[in-house]
Amino acid sequence: MGLSAPAVAERVRRMEDAGLITGYRVEVAHDKLGFPIVALIRVAAPEEKCARLKALVQGLAEVLECHHVTGADAYALRSWRRR
């Protein structure tokens, strides 16, 4: 493109300020970290147990995401583990 690093950084900053760039993300190769198995886990629990379940899940390093959902399940978890 023929632009210097500061010029590119300024253009990116202006696009962020204008709301054109709304975020960044990272995709981790879990298998290269030694965690090749990724699972989606649906958890059904009575409402009175949800606070305890949420506290337990927050302490688990294996849980990548935890979503409180509606319907038959209370939570949907995305998790990984070593083989």
N, C-alpha and C. Protein backbone atom coordinates (compact mmCIF):
# COMPACT_ATOMS: atom_id res chain seq x y z
N MET A 1 0.82 -1.18 0.00
CA MET A 1 0.00 0.00 0.00
C MET A 1 0.86 1.25 0.00
N GLY A 2 2.13 1.12 0.36
CA GLY A 2 3.00 2.28 0.33
C GLY A 2 2.81 3.24 1.49
N LEU A 3 2.18 2.79 2.57
CA LEU A 3 1.96 3.66 3.73
C LEU A 3 2.93 3.28 4.84
N SER A 4 3.31 4.28 5.61
CA SER A 4 4.17 4.01 6.76
C SER A 4 3.33 3.41 7.89
N ALA A 5 3.99 2.77 8.83
CA ALA A 5 3.28 2.18 9.98
C ALA A 5 2.47 3.23 10.74
N PRO A 6 3.00 4.44 11.01
CA PRO A 6 2.19 5.44 11.70
C PRO A 6 0.96 5.88 10.90
N ALA A 7 1.09 5.95 9.57
CA ALA A 7 -0.06 6.33 8.73
C ALA A 7 -1.15 5.26 8.80
N VAL A 8 -0.75 3.99 8.75
CA VAL A 8 -1.73 2.90 8.86
C VAL A 8 -2.38 2.92 10.23
N ALA A 9 -1.59 3.10 11.28
CA ALA A 9 -2.14 3.15 12.64
C ALA A 9 -3.15 4.28 12.78
N GLU A 10 -2.88 5.42 12.18
CA GLU A 10 -3.82 6.55 12.24
C GLU A 10 -5.11 6.24 11.49
N ARG A 11 -5.00 5.61 10.34
CA ARG A 11 -6.22 5.23 9.59
C ARG A 11 -7.06 4.23 10.38
N VAL A 12 -6.41 3.26 10.99
CA VAL A 12 -7.13 2.27 11.80
C VAL A 12 -7.81 2.96 12.97
N ARG A 13 -7.09 3.88 13.64
CA ARG A 13 -7.68 4.59 14.78
C ARG A 13 -8.91 5.38 14.34
N ARG A 14 -8.84 6.05 13.19
CA ARG A 14 -9.99 6.81 12.70
C ARG A 14 -11.17 5.89 12.39
N MET A 15 -10.89 4.71 11.82
CA MET A 15 -11.98 3.75 11.55
C MET A 15 -12.59 3.23 12.85
N GLU A 16 -11.77 3.02 13.87
CA GLU A 16 -12.29 2.61 15.18
C GLU A 16 -13.17 3.72 15.76
N ASP A 17 -12.68 4.96 15.71
CA ASP A 17 -13.44 6.10 16.23
C ASP A 17 -14.76 6.29 15.51
N ALA A 18 -14.79 5.99 14.22
CA ALA A 18 -16.01 6.13 13.42
C ALA A 18 -16.96 4.95 13.58
N GLY A 19 -16.52 3.93 14.31
CA GLY A 19 -17.37 2.75 14.51
C GLY A 19 -17.32 1.76 13.37
N LEU A 20 -16.43 1.95 12.42
CA LEU A 20 -16.31 0.99 11.32
C LEU A 20 -15.64 -0.30 11.79
N ILE A 21 -14.66 -0.18 12.65
CA ILE A 21 -14.04 -1.35 13.28
C ILE A 21 -14.62 -1.43 14.69
N THR A 22 -15.33 -2.50 14.96
CA THR A 22 -16.02 -2.60 16.25
C THR A 22 -15.36 -3.56 17.23
N GLY A 23 -14.32 -4.26 16.80
CA GLY A 23 -13.65 -5.15 17.74
C GLY A 23 -12.62 -6.01 17.03
N TYR A 24 -11.91 -6.74 17.84
CA TYR A 24 -10.88 -7.66 17.37
C TYR A 24 -11.10 -8.99 18.07
N ARG A 25 -10.59 -10.06 17.51
CA ARG A 25 -10.74 -11.35 18.15
C ARG A 25 -9.49 -12.19 17.91
N VAL A 26 -9.37 -13.19 18.73
CA VAL A 26 -8.25 -14.12 18.62
C VAL A 26 -8.83 -15.52 18.50
N GLU A 27 -8.30 -16.31 17.59
CA GLU A 27 -8.66 -17.71 17.49
C GLU A 27 -7.45 -18.51 17.93
N VAL A 28 -7.63 -19.28 18.99
CA VAL A 28 -6.54 -20.05 19.58
C VAL A 28 -6.58 -21.47 19.04
N ALA A 29 -5.45 -21.99 18.64
CA ALA A 29 -5.33 -23.38 18.19
C ALA A 29 -5.18 -24.26 19.43
N HIS A 30 -6.31 -24.67 19.99
CA HIS A 30 -6.30 -25.43 21.24
C HIS A 30 -5.48 -26.71 21.13
N ASP A 31 -5.48 -27.34 19.97
CA ASP A 31 -4.72 -28.57 19.80
C ASP A 31 -3.22 -28.31 19.96
N LYS A 32 -2.74 -27.16 19.54
CA LYS A 32 -1.32 -26.83 19.69
C LYS A 32 -0.96 -26.51 21.14
N LEU A 33 -1.97 -26.15 21.93
CA LEU A 33 -1.76 -25.92 23.36
C LEU A 33 -1.85 -27.23 24.14
N GLY A 34 -2.21 -28.30 23.46
CA GLY A 34 -2.37 -29.58 24.13
C GLY A 34 -3.79 -29.84 24.58
N PHE A 35 -4.76 -29.08 24.04
CA PHE A 35 -6.16 -29.25 24.39
C PHE A 35 -6.97 -29.49 23.11
N PRO A 36 -6.87 -30.70 22.53
CA PRO A 36 -7.47 -30.92 21.23
C PRO A 36 -8.98 -31.18 21.24
N ILE A 37 -9.57 -31.41 22.38
CA ILE A 37 -10.99 -31.77 22.41
C ILE A 37 -11.81 -30.57 22.88
N VAL A 38 -12.74 -30.12 22.04
CA VAL A 38 -13.64 -29.03 22.39
C VAL A 38 -15.05 -29.59 22.40
N ALA A 39 -15.84 -29.25 23.44
CA ALA A 39 -17.18 -29.80 23.57
C ALA A 39 -18.19 -28.70 23.85
N LEU A 40 -19.40 -28.87 23.35
CA LEU A 40 -20.52 -28.02 23.69
C LEU A 40 -21.39 -28.83 24.64
N ILE A 41 -21.62 -28.29 25.83
CA ILE A 41 -22.32 -29.02 26.89
C ILE A 41 -23.58 -28.27 27.25
N ARG A 42 -24.72 -28.96 27.20
CA ARG A 42 -25.99 -28.38 27.62
C ARG A 42 -26.26 -28.85 29.05
N VAL A 43 -26.62 -27.90 29.91
CA VAL A 43 -26.85 -28.22 31.32
C VAL A 43 -28.28 -27.84 31.69
N ALA A 44 -29.03 -28.81 32.18
CA ALA A 44 -30.37 -28.56 32.70
C ALA A 44 -30.26 -28.52 34.22
N ALA A 45 -30.81 -27.48 34.82
CA ALA A 45 -30.75 -27.34 36.28
C ALA A 45 -31.95 -26.52 36.73
N PRO A 46 -32.49 -26.85 37.91
CA PRO A 46 -33.58 -26.02 38.43
C PRO A 46 -33.07 -24.62 38.75
N GLU A 47 -33.93 -23.64 38.61
CA GLU A 47 -33.53 -22.23 38.77
C GLU A 47 -32.84 -21.98 40.11
N GLU A 48 -33.27 -22.63 41.17
CA GLU A 48 -32.66 -22.39 42.49
C GLU A 48 -31.22 -22.89 42.58
N LYS A 49 -30.79 -23.73 41.65
CA LYS A 49 -29.41 -24.24 41.63
C LYS A 49 -28.51 -23.45 40.69
N CYS A 50 -29.08 -22.56 39.90
CA CYS A 50 -28.31 -21.86 38.87
C CYS A 50 -27.19 -20.99 39.44
N ALA A 51 -27.43 -20.30 40.53
CA ALA A 51 -26.38 -19.45 41.11
C ALA A 51 -25.19 -20.28 41.54
N ARG A 52 -25.45 -21.41 42.16
CA ARG A 52 -24.37 -22.30 42.59
C ARG A 52 -23.63 -22.89 41.38
N LEU A 53 -24.39 -23.28 40.38
CA LEU A 53 -23.80 -23.82 39.16
C LEU A 53 -22.92 -22.78 38.47
N LYS A 54 -23.41 -21.55 38.39
CA LYS A 54 -22.65 -20.47 37.76
C LYS A 54 -21.34 -20.23 38.51
N ALA A 55 -21.38 -20.22 39.83
CA ALA A 55 -20.17 -20.02 40.63
C ALA A 55 -19.18 -21.16 40.40
N LEU A 56 -19.67 -22.38 40.31
CA LEU A 56 -18.81 -23.53 40.07
C LEU A 56 -18.13 -23.43 38.71
N VAL A 57 -18.91 -23.11 37.69
CA VAL A 57 -18.40 -23.03 36.32
C VAL A 57 -17.34 -21.93 36.19
N GLN A 58 -17.52 -20.81 36.88
CA GLN A 58 -16.56 -19.71 36.80
C GLN A 58 -15.18 -20.12 37.32
N GLY A 59 -15.14 -21.11 38.19
CA GLY A 59 -13.86 -21.57 38.73
C GLY A 59 -13.19 -22.66 37.92
N LEU A 60 -13.78 -23.06 36.81
CA LEU A 60 -13.22 -24.14 35.99
C LEU A 60 -12.45 -23.58 34.81
N ALA A 61 -11.15 -23.81 34.80
CA ALA A 61 -10.31 -23.30 33.71
C ALA A 61 -10.68 -23.93 32.37
N GLU A 62 -11.27 -25.12 32.40
CA GLU A 62 -11.62 -25.82 31.16
C GLU A 62 -12.79 -25.18 30.43
N VAL A 63 -13.56 -24.35 31.09
CA VAL A 63 -14.74 -23.74 30.47
C VAL A 63 -14.33 -22.47 29.73
N LEU A 64 -14.54 -22.46 28.43
CA LEU A 64 -14.21 -21.31 27.59
C LEU A 64 -15.33 -20.28 27.60
N GLU A 65 -16.58 -20.76 27.55
CA GLU A 65 -17.75 -19.88 27.51
C GLU A 65 -18.87 -20.52 28.32
N CYS A 66 -19.69 -19.68 28.92
CA CYS A 66 -20.88 -20.15 29.63
C CYS A 66 -22.01 -19.17 29.31
N HIS A 67 -23.09 -19.70 28.73
CA HIS A 67 -24.23 -18.86 28.33
C HIS A 67 -25.47 -19.32 29.07
N HIS A 68 -26.17 -18.40 29.74
CA HIS A 68 -27.45 -18.70 30.36
C HIS A 68 -28.48 -18.65 29.24
N VAL A 69 -29.23 -19.72 29.06
CA VAL A 69 -30.15 -19.83 27.93
C VAL A 69 -31.56 -20.11 28.40
N THR A 70 -32.51 -19.91 27.51
CA THR A 70 -33.90 -20.22 27.81
C THR A 70 -34.24 -21.57 27.20
N GLY A 71 -35.34 -22.13 27.65
CA GLY A 71 -35.77 -23.43 27.15
C GLY A 71 -35.52 -24.51 28.18
N ALA A 72 -35.38 -25.74 27.71
CA ALA A 72 -35.21 -26.88 28.61
C ALA A 72 -33.89 -26.85 29.37
N ASP A 73 -32.88 -26.23 28.80
CA ASP A 73 -31.57 -26.16 29.45
C ASP A 73 -31.40 -24.83 30.15
N ALA A 74 -30.57 -24.82 31.19
CA ALA A 74 -30.28 -23.58 31.91
C ALA A 74 -29.04 -22.90 31.33
N TYR A 75 -28.05 -23.71 30.95
CA TYR A 75 -26.78 -23.17 30.46
C TYR A 75 -26.28 -23.96 29.26
N ALA A 76 -25.50 -23.29 28.44
CA ALA A 76 -24.75 -23.94 27.37
C ALA A 76 -23.29 -23.57 27.61
N LEU A 77 -22.45 -24.57 27.71
CA LEU A 77 -21.03 -24.35 27.99
C LEU A 77 -20.21 -24.79 26.79
N ARG A 78 -19.12 -24.09 26.55
CA ARG A 78 -18.13 -24.55 25.58
C ARG A 78 -16.88 -24.81 26.39
N SER A 79 -16.34 -26.00 26.26
CA SER A 79 -15.25 -26.43 27.10
C SER A 79 -14.20 -27.17 26.30
N TRP A 80 -12.99 -27.26 26.82
CA TRP A 80 -11.93 -28.04 26.20
C TRP A 80 -11.23 -28.83 27.27
N ARG A 81 -10.53 -29.85 26.87
CA ARG A 81 -9.73 -30.62 27.82
C ARG A 81 -8.59 -31.31 27.11
N ARG A 82 -7.60 -31.69 27.91
CA ARG A 82 -6.48 -32.45 27.36
C ARG A 82 -6.95 -33.87 27.09
N ARG A 83 -6.26 -34.54 26.19
CA ARG A 83 -6.60 -35.94 25.94
C ARG A 83 -6.18 -36.80 27.09
